[in-house]
Amino acid sequence: MRHGLSGNRLSRNRSLRKATLRDMAKAVFLQERICTTRAKAKEARKMIEKLITLGKKDTLAARRRAFAILCDHKEVSQLFTQVAPRFKSRNGGYTRIIPYMQRGGDNAELAFLELTEKSREIITNKKRVKLTQEEKDAKDKDKVSEAETKPVSAETAPKHSKADVKSTPKAAAKPKVAPKLFQRKAGGE
């Protein structure tokens, strides 16, 4: 029985769950925003908040504890030098979960897990701009002129054509032998 045990098991055993959450934390520190299921986002949020709190302390012991979780020196140094200093004035609430949509295959609830303080602007959707016919023609001419001026190197040139390839005579077909299970015995049984 699971009396008093908190946390979602995410249909994984302990080691796989730990690896999943670690990889999600690394992705959030690297990209600042990821799309995942809502249940995974809630569990990963706990780990990320603890790691950022460790990063704000910036002691050797804190770095070692963070390395024990992340298992990557590069990610740990990024956490302590780039991510955690952004949250010095904030006491918790380093991440947010934004509901997104239902996944098509299994109807799982998707959500964005992101850091509240970002170092760069995240582009969600690019606005489509309708081009006039003149702009489309100019764009097509640019593509054609690039293709004409591009030299063909030895690496990109075709090495041979189908006519150059000689067909090799096929080896004489060997008679198929039935497996031992299906062969009749000579004794007439």
N, C-alpha and C. Protein backbone atom coordinates (compact mmCIF):
# COMPACT_ATOMS: atom_id res chain seq x y z
N MET A 1 0.83 -1.19 0.00
CA MET A 1 0.00 0.00 0.00
C MET A 1 0.87 1.25 0.00
N ARG A 2 0.35 2.33 -0.55
CA ARG A 2 1.11 3.57 -0.69
C ARG A 2 0.64 4.63 0.29
N HIS A 3 0.46 4.29 1.54
CA HIS A 3 -0.05 5.25 2.51
C HIS A 3 0.93 6.40 2.67
N GLY A 4 0.44 7.61 2.43
CA GLY A 4 1.24 8.81 2.71
C GLY A 4 2.36 9.08 1.73
N LEU A 5 2.49 8.33 0.66
CA LEU A 5 3.55 8.59 -0.31
C LEU A 5 3.04 9.58 -1.34
N SER A 6 3.78 10.64 -1.53
CA SER A 6 3.34 11.68 -2.45
C SER A 6 4.07 11.55 -3.79
N GLY A 7 3.53 12.18 -4.80
CA GLY A 7 4.17 12.21 -6.11
C GLY A 7 3.55 11.21 -7.06
N ASN A 8 3.57 11.57 -8.34
CA ASN A 8 3.05 10.72 -9.39
C ASN A 8 4.15 9.77 -9.85
N ARG A 9 3.84 8.50 -10.02
CA ARG A 9 4.85 7.53 -10.43
C ARG A 9 5.07 7.51 -11.94
N LEU A 10 4.21 8.13 -12.70
CA LEU A 10 4.35 8.28 -14.15
C LEU A 10 4.50 6.95 -14.88
N SER A 11 3.93 5.90 -14.33
CA SER A 11 3.99 4.55 -14.93
C SER A 11 5.42 4.10 -15.20
N ARG A 12 6.33 4.42 -14.31
CA ARG A 12 7.74 4.05 -14.47
C ARG A 12 8.27 3.56 -13.13
N ASN A 13 9.33 2.76 -13.20
CA ASN A 13 9.98 2.39 -11.95
C ASN A 13 10.87 3.56 -11.49
N ARG A 14 11.49 3.43 -10.35
CA ARG A 14 12.19 4.55 -9.73
C ARG A 14 13.31 5.09 -10.60
N SER A 15 14.12 4.22 -11.18
CA SER A 15 15.27 4.69 -11.95
C SER A 15 14.84 5.37 -13.25
N LEU A 16 13.83 4.84 -13.93
CA LEU A 16 13.37 5.47 -15.16
C LEU A 16 12.66 6.79 -14.88
N ARG A 17 11.92 6.85 -13.78
CA ARG A 17 11.25 8.10 -13.40
C ARG A 17 12.28 9.18 -13.09
N LYS A 18 13.32 8.78 -12.38
CA LYS A 18 14.39 9.72 -12.02
C LYS A 18 15.11 10.24 -13.27
N ALA A 19 15.37 9.35 -14.22
CA ALA A 19 16.03 9.74 -15.46
C ALA A 19 15.14 10.66 -16.29
N THR A 20 13.84 10.37 -16.34
CA THR A 20 12.91 11.21 -17.10
C THR A 20 12.87 12.62 -16.54
N LEU A 21 12.76 12.73 -15.24
CA LEU A 21 12.69 14.05 -14.61
C LEU A 21 14.01 14.80 -14.75
N ARG A 22 15.13 14.09 -14.65
CA ARG A 22 16.44 14.72 -14.83
C ARG A 22 16.56 15.29 -16.25
N ASP A 23 16.17 14.51 -17.25
CA ASP A 23 16.28 14.98 -18.63
C ASP A 23 15.34 16.15 -18.90
N MET A 24 14.17 16.14 -18.28
CA MET A 24 13.27 17.27 -18.45
C MET A 24 13.83 18.53 -17.81
N ALA A 25 14.47 18.38 -16.65
CA ALA A 25 15.07 19.54 -15.99
C ALA A 25 16.21 20.11 -16.85
N LYS A 26 17.02 19.24 -17.42
CA LYS A 26 18.10 19.70 -18.31
C LYS A 26 17.54 20.45 -19.50
N ALA A 27 16.45 19.93 -20.07
CA ALA A 27 15.85 20.58 -21.24
C ALA A 27 15.28 21.95 -20.88
N VAL A 28 14.69 22.08 -19.71
CA VAL A 28 14.14 23.37 -19.30
C VAL A 28 15.26 24.38 -19.09
N PHE A 29 16.37 23.96 -18.48
CA PHE A 29 17.49 24.88 -18.28
C PHE A 29 18.13 25.28 -19.60
N LEU A 30 18.14 24.37 -20.56
CA LEU A 30 18.76 24.65 -21.85
C LEU A 30 17.85 25.49 -22.75
N GLN A 31 16.58 25.11 -22.87
CA GLN A 31 15.68 25.75 -23.83
C GLN A 31 14.71 26.74 -23.18
N GLU A 32 14.59 26.73 -21.88
CA GLU A 32 13.74 27.61 -21.09
C GLU A 32 12.25 27.35 -21.25
N ARG A 33 11.87 26.45 -22.18
CA ARG A 33 10.46 26.11 -22.35
C ARG A 33 10.36 24.77 -23.06
N ILE A 34 9.56 23.86 -22.50
CA ILE A 34 9.34 22.57 -23.15
C ILE A 34 7.85 22.26 -23.15
N CYS A 35 7.45 21.41 -24.08
CA CYS A 35 6.06 20.94 -24.14
C CYS A 35 6.06 19.47 -23.73
N THR A 36 5.24 19.15 -22.74
CA THR A 36 5.17 17.79 -22.22
C THR A 36 3.76 17.56 -21.67
N THR A 37 3.54 16.38 -21.13
CA THR A 37 2.23 16.13 -20.53
C THR A 37 2.11 16.89 -19.21
N ARG A 38 0.89 17.13 -18.82
CA ARG A 38 0.67 17.93 -17.61
C ARG A 38 1.18 17.22 -16.36
N ALA A 39 1.01 15.90 -16.29
CA ALA A 39 1.48 15.13 -15.13
C ALA A 39 3.00 15.19 -15.01
N LYS A 40 3.71 15.03 -16.14
CA LYS A 40 5.17 15.11 -16.12
C LYS A 40 5.63 16.51 -15.76
N ALA A 41 4.92 17.51 -16.26
CA ALA A 41 5.30 18.89 -15.96
C ALA A 41 5.18 19.19 -14.47
N LYS A 42 4.14 18.67 -13.83
CA LYS A 42 3.95 18.90 -12.40
C LYS A 42 5.06 18.25 -11.58
N GLU A 43 5.48 17.06 -11.99
CA GLU A 43 6.55 16.37 -11.27
C GLU A 43 7.91 17.02 -11.53
N ALA A 44 8.17 17.41 -12.78
CA ALA A 44 9.45 18.03 -13.12
C ALA A 44 9.58 19.39 -12.45
N ARG A 45 8.46 20.07 -12.28
CA ARG A 45 8.48 21.39 -11.64
C ARG A 45 9.09 21.33 -10.25
N LYS A 46 8.77 20.27 -9.49
CA LYS A 46 9.31 20.13 -8.14
C LYS A 46 10.83 20.07 -8.16
N MET A 47 11.38 19.26 -9.08
CA MET A 47 12.83 19.11 -9.16
C MET A 47 13.49 20.40 -9.62
N ILE A 48 12.91 21.06 -10.59
CA ILE A 48 13.50 22.29 -11.13
C ILE A 48 13.53 23.39 -10.08
N GLU A 49 12.45 23.51 -9.31
CA GLU A 49 12.41 24.54 -8.27
C GLU A 49 13.50 24.28 -7.22
N LYS A 50 13.71 23.01 -6.85
CA LYS A 50 14.74 22.69 -5.87
C LYS A 50 16.13 22.98 -6.42
N LEU A 51 16.34 22.68 -7.70
CA LEU A 51 17.65 22.93 -8.30
C LEU A 51 17.96 24.43 -8.39
N ILE A 52 16.97 25.23 -8.73
CA ILE A 52 17.20 26.68 -8.81
C ILE A 52 17.47 27.24 -7.42
N THR A 53 16.79 26.72 -6.40
CA THR A 53 17.07 27.15 -5.02
C THR A 53 18.50 26.80 -4.64
N LEU A 54 18.97 25.62 -5.04
CA LEU A 54 20.37 25.27 -4.79
C LEU A 54 21.30 26.21 -5.55
N GLY A 55 20.93 26.56 -6.76
CA GLY A 55 21.76 27.44 -7.58
C GLY A 55 21.89 28.83 -6.99
N LYS A 56 20.89 29.27 -6.27
CA LYS A 56 20.95 30.60 -5.65
C LYS A 56 21.94 30.63 -4.49
N LYS A 57 22.21 29.48 -3.86
CA LYS A 57 23.16 29.43 -2.74
C LYS A 57 24.59 29.53 -3.24
N ASP A 58 24.92 28.86 -4.32
CA ASP A 58 26.23 28.88 -4.96
C ASP A 58 27.37 28.56 -3.99
N THR A 59 27.26 27.42 -3.33
CA THR A 59 28.35 26.90 -2.51
C THR A 59 28.83 25.59 -3.14
N LEU A 60 29.95 25.11 -2.66
CA LEU A 60 30.48 23.86 -3.18
C LEU A 60 29.52 22.71 -2.88
N ALA A 61 28.97 22.70 -1.69
CA ALA A 61 28.02 21.64 -1.32
C ALA A 61 26.78 21.69 -2.21
N ALA A 62 26.31 22.90 -2.52
CA ALA A 62 25.14 23.04 -3.38
C ALA A 62 25.46 22.55 -4.79
N ARG A 63 26.66 22.85 -5.28
CA ARG A 63 27.06 22.39 -6.61
C ARG A 63 27.14 20.86 -6.65
N ARG A 64 27.64 20.27 -5.59
CA ARG A 64 27.74 18.80 -5.56
C ARG A 64 26.37 18.16 -5.49
N ARG A 65 25.45 18.75 -4.75
CA ARG A 65 24.08 18.21 -4.69
C ARG A 65 23.38 18.34 -6.03
N ALA A 66 23.63 19.45 -6.71
CA ALA A 66 23.03 19.65 -8.04
C ALA A 66 23.63 18.66 -9.04
N PHE A 67 24.94 18.40 -8.93
CA PHE A 67 25.56 17.44 -9.83
C PHE A 67 25.04 16.03 -9.57
N ALA A 68 24.72 15.71 -8.32
CA ALA A 68 24.18 14.38 -8.01
C ALA A 68 22.84 14.18 -8.69
N ILE A 69 22.11 15.26 -8.94
CA ILE A 69 20.81 15.15 -9.61
C ILE A 69 20.96 15.22 -11.13
N LEU A 70 21.72 16.22 -11.62
CA LEU A 70 21.81 16.45 -13.07
C LEU A 70 22.84 15.57 -13.77
N CYS A 71 23.90 15.17 -13.07
CA CYS A 71 24.93 14.28 -13.61
C CYS A 71 25.61 14.86 -14.86
N ASP A 72 25.79 16.18 -14.90
CA ASP A 72 26.44 16.81 -16.04
C ASP A 72 27.08 18.12 -15.58
N HIS A 73 28.41 18.20 -15.68
CA HIS A 73 29.12 19.38 -15.20
C HIS A 73 28.72 20.64 -15.97
N LYS A 74 28.52 20.49 -17.26
CA LYS A 74 28.16 21.64 -18.10
C LYS A 74 26.80 22.22 -17.67
N GLU A 75 25.83 21.35 -17.44
CA GLU A 75 24.51 21.80 -17.02
C GLU A 75 24.55 22.44 -15.63
N VAL A 76 25.37 21.88 -14.74
CA VAL A 76 25.48 22.43 -13.39
C VAL A 76 26.08 23.83 -13.44
N SER A 77 27.14 24.01 -14.22
CA SER A 77 27.75 25.34 -14.31
C SER A 77 26.79 26.33 -14.96
N GLN A 78 26.00 25.89 -15.93
CA GLN A 78 25.01 26.77 -16.55
C GLN A 78 23.94 27.15 -15.53
N LEU A 79 23.53 26.21 -14.71
CA LEU A 79 22.53 26.48 -13.67
C LEU A 79 23.03 27.55 -12.71
N PHE A 80 24.28 27.43 -12.26
CA PHE A 80 24.79 28.33 -11.24
C PHE A 80 25.23 29.68 -11.80
N THR A 81 25.62 29.74 -13.07
CA THR A 81 26.12 31.00 -13.62
C THR A 81 25.08 31.77 -14.43
N GLN A 82 24.13 31.07 -15.09
CA GLN A 82 23.20 31.76 -15.97
C GLN A 82 21.76 31.73 -15.47
N VAL A 83 21.30 30.58 -15.02
CA VAL A 83 19.88 30.44 -14.68
C VAL A 83 19.57 31.01 -13.29
N ALA A 84 20.27 30.56 -12.27
CA ALA A 84 19.95 30.95 -10.89
C ALA A 84 20.10 32.45 -10.62
N PRO A 85 21.11 33.15 -11.17
CA PRO A 85 21.20 34.59 -10.90
C PRO A 85 19.99 35.40 -11.35
N ARG A 86 19.22 34.91 -12.32
CA ARG A 86 18.02 35.61 -12.76
C ARG A 86 16.94 35.63 -11.69
N PHE A 87 17.00 34.67 -10.75
CA PHE A 87 15.95 34.52 -9.74
C PHE A 87 16.40 34.98 -8.36
N LYS A 88 17.45 35.79 -8.24
CA LYS A 88 17.95 36.23 -6.93
C LYS A 88 16.89 36.97 -6.13
N SER A 89 16.07 37.77 -6.79
CA SER A 89 15.09 38.58 -6.07
C SER A 89 13.76 37.85 -5.87
N ARG A 90 13.66 36.62 -6.32
CA ARG A 90 12.39 35.89 -6.28
C ARG A 90 12.48 34.76 -5.24
N ASN A 91 11.46 34.61 -4.44
CA ASN A 91 11.41 33.55 -3.44
C ASN A 91 10.43 32.48 -3.88
N GLY A 92 10.85 31.62 -4.78
CA GLY A 92 9.98 30.55 -5.27
C GLY A 92 9.21 31.00 -6.49
N GLY A 93 8.49 30.06 -7.09
CA GLY A 93 7.72 30.37 -8.28
C GLY A 93 8.61 30.60 -9.48
N TYR A 94 9.59 29.74 -9.66
CA TYR A 94 10.56 29.92 -10.75
C TYR A 94 10.03 29.39 -12.08
N THR A 95 9.01 28.54 -12.03
CA THR A 95 8.48 27.95 -13.25
C THR A 95 6.97 28.16 -13.31
N ARG A 96 6.43 27.99 -14.52
CA ARG A 96 4.98 28.04 -14.68
C ARG A 96 4.57 26.95 -15.65
N ILE A 97 3.35 26.46 -15.46
CA ILE A 97 2.78 25.44 -16.34
C ILE A 97 1.61 26.07 -17.06
N ILE A 98 1.67 26.07 -18.38
CA ILE A 98 0.62 26.67 -19.21
C ILE A 98 -0.09 25.55 -19.96
N PRO A 99 -1.38 25.32 -19.71
CA PRO A 99 -2.09 24.26 -20.45
C PRO A 99 -2.08 24.55 -21.95
N TYR A 100 -1.94 23.50 -22.74
CA TYR A 100 -1.79 23.69 -24.18
C TYR A 100 -2.95 23.08 -24.96
N MET A 101 -3.03 21.76 -25.06
CA MET A 101 -4.08 21.10 -25.83
C MET A 101 -4.11 19.63 -25.49
N GLN A 102 -5.01 18.89 -26.12
CA GLN A 102 -5.08 17.44 -25.95
C GLN A 102 -4.26 16.80 -27.07
N ARG A 103 -3.43 15.81 -26.73
CA ARG A 103 -2.63 15.12 -27.74
C ARG A 103 -3.54 14.21 -28.56
N GLY A 104 -3.28 14.14 -29.85
CA GLY A 104 -4.15 13.41 -30.76
C GLY A 104 -4.19 11.92 -30.52
N GLY A 105 -3.06 11.28 -30.26
CA GLY A 105 -3.02 9.83 -30.18
C GLY A 105 -3.70 9.25 -28.97
N ASP A 106 -3.38 9.77 -27.78
CA ASP A 106 -3.93 9.18 -26.56
C ASP A 106 -4.76 10.16 -25.73
N ASN A 107 -5.01 11.35 -26.28
CA ASN A 107 -5.83 12.36 -25.63
C ASN A 107 -5.24 12.84 -24.31
N ALA A 108 -3.91 12.79 -24.18
CA ALA A 108 -3.25 13.27 -22.97
C ALA A 108 -3.25 14.80 -22.96
N GLU A 109 -3.32 15.37 -21.77
CA GLU A 109 -3.30 16.83 -21.63
C GLU A 109 -1.86 17.30 -21.77
N LEU A 110 -1.58 18.14 -22.77
CA LEU A 110 -0.25 18.70 -22.96
C LEU A 110 -0.18 20.06 -22.29
N ALA A 111 1.03 20.43 -21.88
CA ALA A 111 1.24 21.72 -21.24
C ALA A 111 2.67 22.18 -21.52
N PHE A 112 2.87 23.49 -21.46
CA PHE A 112 4.21 24.05 -21.56
C PHE A 112 4.74 24.22 -20.15
N LEU A 113 5.98 23.80 -19.93
CA LEU A 113 6.68 24.03 -18.67
C LEU A 113 7.79 25.01 -18.99
N GLU A 114 7.76 26.19 -18.37
CA GLU A 114 8.75 27.21 -18.72
C GLU A 114 9.22 27.94 -17.49
N LEU A 115 10.38 28.56 -17.62
CA LEU A 115 10.92 29.41 -16.57
C LEU A 115 10.21 30.76 -16.62
N THR A 116 9.98 31.36 -15.44
CA THR A 116 9.28 32.64 -15.43
C THR A 116 10.19 33.79 -15.86
N GLU A 117 11.47 33.70 -15.57
CA GLU A 117 12.44 34.71 -15.99
C GLU A 117 13.22 34.14 -17.16
N LYS A 118 13.08 34.76 -18.32
CA LYS A 118 13.74 34.24 -19.52
C LYS A 118 14.88 35.14 -19.92
N SER A 119 15.91 34.54 -20.51
CA SER A 119 17.04 35.34 -20.98
C SER A 119 16.82 35.83 -22.40
N ARG A 120 15.92 35.18 -23.13
CA ARG A 120 15.65 35.57 -24.52
C ARG A 120 14.16 35.43 -24.79
N GLU A 121 13.73 36.04 -25.87
CA GLU A 121 12.33 35.98 -26.25
C GLU A 121 12.05 34.65 -26.94
N ILE A 122 10.99 33.98 -26.54
CA ILE A 122 10.61 32.71 -27.15
C ILE A 122 9.50 32.99 -28.16
N ILE A 123 9.72 32.60 -29.41
CA ILE A 123 8.74 32.82 -30.46
C ILE A 123 7.83 31.61 -30.51
N THR A 124 6.54 31.83 -30.30
CA THR A 124 5.61 30.71 -30.33
C THR A 124 5.07 30.48 -31.73
N ASN A 125 4.56 31.50 -32.36
CA ASN A 125 4.04 31.38 -33.73
C ASN A 125 4.51 32.57 -34.54
N LYS A 126 4.97 32.30 -35.75
CA LYS A 126 5.37 33.38 -36.64
C LYS A 126 4.13 33.83 -37.40
N LYS A 127 3.95 35.12 -37.50
CA LYS A 127 2.81 35.64 -38.25
C LYS A 127 3.11 35.49 -39.74
N ARG A 128 2.13 35.01 -40.46
CA ARG A 128 2.29 34.85 -41.90
C ARG A 128 1.93 36.17 -42.58
N VAL A 129 2.81 36.57 -43.44
CA VAL A 129 2.60 37.81 -44.18
C VAL A 129 2.32 37.44 -45.62
N LYS A 130 1.22 37.97 -46.16
CA LYS A 130 0.91 37.68 -47.56
C LYS A 130 1.77 38.55 -48.46
N LEU A 131 2.44 37.88 -49.39
CA LEU A 131 3.28 38.58 -50.35
C LEU A 131 2.46 38.97 -51.57
N THR A 132 2.82 40.10 -52.14
CA THR A 132 2.17 40.49 -53.39
C THR A 132 2.77 39.67 -54.51
N GLN A 133 2.15 39.71 -55.66
CA GLN A 133 2.62 38.92 -56.81
C GLN A 133 4.02 39.38 -57.23
N GLU A 134 4.30 40.68 -57.15
CA GLU A 134 5.62 41.20 -57.52
C GLU A 134 6.70 40.66 -56.59
N GLU A 135 6.41 40.61 -55.27
CA GLU A 135 7.38 40.09 -54.30
C GLU A 135 7.63 38.60 -54.52
N LYS A 136 6.57 37.85 -54.86
CA LYS A 136 6.74 36.42 -55.14
C LYS A 136 7.63 36.21 -56.35
N ASP A 137 7.41 37.01 -57.42
CA ASP A 137 8.23 36.89 -58.63
C ASP A 137 9.68 37.23 -58.33
N ALA A 138 9.92 38.26 -57.54
CA ALA A 138 11.29 38.65 -57.18
C ALA A 138 11.95 37.55 -56.37
N LYS A 139 11.21 36.92 -55.49
CA LYS A 139 11.76 35.83 -54.66
C LYS A 139 12.12 34.63 -55.53
N ASP A 140 11.27 34.30 -56.52
CA ASP A 140 11.55 33.19 -57.42
C ASP A 140 12.78 33.48 -58.28
N LYS A 141 12.94 34.73 -58.73
CA LYS A 141 14.11 35.10 -59.54
C LYS A 141 15.39 34.96 -58.73
N ASP A 142 15.33 35.31 -57.43
CA ASP A 142 16.51 35.17 -56.57
C ASP A 142 16.90 33.70 -56.44
N LYS A 143 15.93 32.82 -56.31
CA LYS A 143 16.23 31.39 -56.20
C LYS A 143 16.86 30.86 -57.47
N VAL A 144 16.36 31.30 -58.62
CA VAL A 144 16.90 30.85 -59.90
C VAL A 144 18.31 31.36 -60.08
N SER A 145 18.57 32.62 -59.75
CA SER A 145 19.91 33.18 -59.93
C SER A 145 20.92 32.50 -59.01
N GLU A 146 20.50 32.11 -57.79
CA GLU A 146 21.40 31.39 -56.88
C GLU A 146 21.75 30.02 -57.44
N ALA A 147 20.79 29.36 -58.04
CA ALA A 147 21.03 28.02 -58.59
C ALA A 147 21.97 28.09 -59.80
N GLU A 148 21.87 29.16 -60.60
CA GLU A 148 22.72 29.29 -61.78
C GLU A 148 24.16 29.61 -61.40
N THR A 149 24.37 30.42 -60.38
CA THR A 149 25.72 30.85 -60.00
C THR A 149 26.42 29.85 -59.10
N LYS A 150 25.72 28.88 -58.58
CA LYS A 150 26.31 27.91 -57.66
C LYS A 150 27.16 26.91 -58.44
N PRO A 151 28.48 26.83 -58.17
CA PRO A 151 29.32 25.88 -58.90
C PRO A 151 29.06 24.45 -58.44
N VAL A 152 29.22 23.52 -59.35
CA VAL A 152 29.03 22.10 -59.04
C VAL A 152 30.37 21.54 -58.65
N SER A 153 30.47 21.00 -57.44
CA SER A 153 31.72 20.42 -56.98
C SER A 153 31.75 18.94 -57.33
N ALA A 154 32.92 18.34 -57.17
CA ALA A 154 33.08 16.93 -57.48
C ALA A 154 32.27 16.06 -56.53
N GLU A 155 32.07 16.56 -55.31
CA GLU A 155 31.34 15.77 -54.33
C GLU A 155 29.84 15.74 -54.64
N THR A 156 29.29 16.87 -55.13
CA THR A 156 27.86 16.94 -55.37
C THR A 156 27.46 16.45 -56.75
N ALA A 157 28.43 16.34 -57.66
CA ALA A 157 28.12 15.89 -59.02
C ALA A 157 27.79 14.40 -58.99
N PRO A 158 26.90 13.95 -59.88
CA PRO A 158 26.59 12.52 -59.91
C PRO A 158 27.80 11.73 -60.37
N LYS A 159 28.03 10.59 -59.74
CA LYS A 159 29.22 9.79 -60.04
C LYS A 159 29.03 8.93 -61.27
N HIS A 160 27.85 8.40 -61.49
CA HIS A 160 27.60 7.59 -62.66
C HIS A 160 26.10 7.55 -62.92
N SER A 161 25.75 7.21 -64.12
CA SER A 161 24.34 7.11 -64.46
C SER A 161 23.94 5.64 -64.52
N LYS A 162 22.67 5.39 -64.73
CA LYS A 162 22.18 4.01 -64.77
C LYS A 162 22.73 3.27 -65.98
N ALA A 163 23.01 3.97 -67.07
CA ALA A 163 23.52 3.32 -68.27
C ALA A 163 24.95 2.84 -68.06
N ASP A 164 25.70 3.53 -67.19
CA ASP A 164 27.09 3.15 -66.95
C ASP A 164 27.21 1.90 -66.08
N VAL A 165 26.21 1.62 -65.30
CA VAL A 165 26.28 0.48 -64.39
C VAL A 165 26.05 -0.80 -65.18
N LYS A 166 27.01 -1.72 -65.06
CA LYS A 166 26.88 -3.00 -65.75
C LYS A 166 26.20 -3.99 -64.81
N SER A 167 25.32 -4.74 -65.41
CA SER A 167 24.65 -5.73 -64.59
C SER A 167 25.55 -6.94 -64.45
N THR A 168 25.66 -7.44 -63.24
CA THR A 168 26.49 -8.61 -62.99
C THR A 168 25.64 -9.85 -63.14
N PRO A 169 26.21 -10.93 -63.69
CA PRO A 169 25.42 -12.15 -63.82
C PRO A 169 25.08 -12.70 -62.43
N LYS A 170 23.86 -13.14 -62.30
CA LYS A 170 23.42 -13.67 -61.01
C LYS A 170 24.04 -15.03 -60.79
N ALA A 171 24.35 -15.31 -59.57
CA ALA A 171 24.93 -16.61 -59.23
C ALA A 171 23.89 -17.69 -59.48
N ALA A 172 24.36 -18.84 -59.85
CA ALA A 172 23.45 -19.95 -60.11
C ALA A 172 22.64 -20.24 -58.86
N ALA A 173 21.34 -20.39 -59.03
CA ALA A 173 20.47 -20.61 -57.88
C ALA A 173 20.73 -21.99 -57.29
N LYS A 174 20.89 -22.00 -55.97
CA LYS A 174 21.12 -23.26 -55.29
C LYS A 174 19.78 -23.92 -55.04
N PRO A 175 19.74 -25.24 -55.12
CA PRO A 175 18.47 -25.91 -54.84
C PRO A 175 18.12 -25.74 -53.36
N LYS A 176 16.85 -25.48 -53.09
CA LYS A 176 16.41 -25.27 -51.72
C LYS A 176 16.27 -26.62 -51.03
N VAL A 177 16.80 -26.68 -49.83
CA VAL A 177 16.74 -27.90 -49.05
C VAL A 177 15.78 -27.67 -47.90
N ALA A 178 14.85 -28.58 -47.73
CA ALA A 178 13.88 -28.46 -46.65
C ALA A 178 14.57 -28.67 -45.31
N PRO A 179 14.11 -28.02 -44.28
CA PRO A 179 14.70 -28.24 -42.96
C PRO A 179 14.54 -29.69 -42.53
N LYS A 180 15.36 -30.09 -41.57
CA LYS A 180 15.37 -31.48 -41.12
C LYS A 180 14.02 -31.93 -40.57
N LEU A 181 13.28 -31.02 -40.03
CA LEU A 181 12.00 -31.40 -39.43
C LEU A 181 11.03 -31.93 -40.48
N PHE A 182 11.13 -31.43 -41.69
CA PHE A 182 10.15 -31.79 -42.71
C PHE A 182 10.66 -32.82 -43.71
N GLN A 183 11.87 -33.30 -43.55
CA GLN A 183 12.39 -34.30 -44.48
C GLN A 183 11.90 -35.68 -44.09
N ARG A 184 11.60 -36.52 -45.09
CA ARG A 184 11.18 -37.90 -44.83
C ARG A 184 12.41 -38.76 -44.61
N LYS A 185 12.22 -39.70 -43.80
CA LYS A 185 13.30 -40.64 -43.55
C LYS A 185 13.31 -41.67 -44.69
N ALA A 186 14.49 -42.16 -45.04
CA ALA A 186 14.65 -43.10 -46.13
C ALA A 186 14.07 -44.47 -45.80
N GLY A 187 13.85 -44.78 -44.53
CA GLY A 187 13.37 -46.09 -44.12
C GLY A 187 11.92 -46.32 -44.44
N GLY A 188 11.17 -45.32 -44.88
CA GLY A 188 9.79 -45.51 -45.26
C GLY A 188 8.80 -45.43 -44.13
N GLU A 189 9.11 -44.78 -43.06
CA GLU A 189 8.16 -44.65 -41.96
C GLU A 189 7.05 -43.72 -42.23
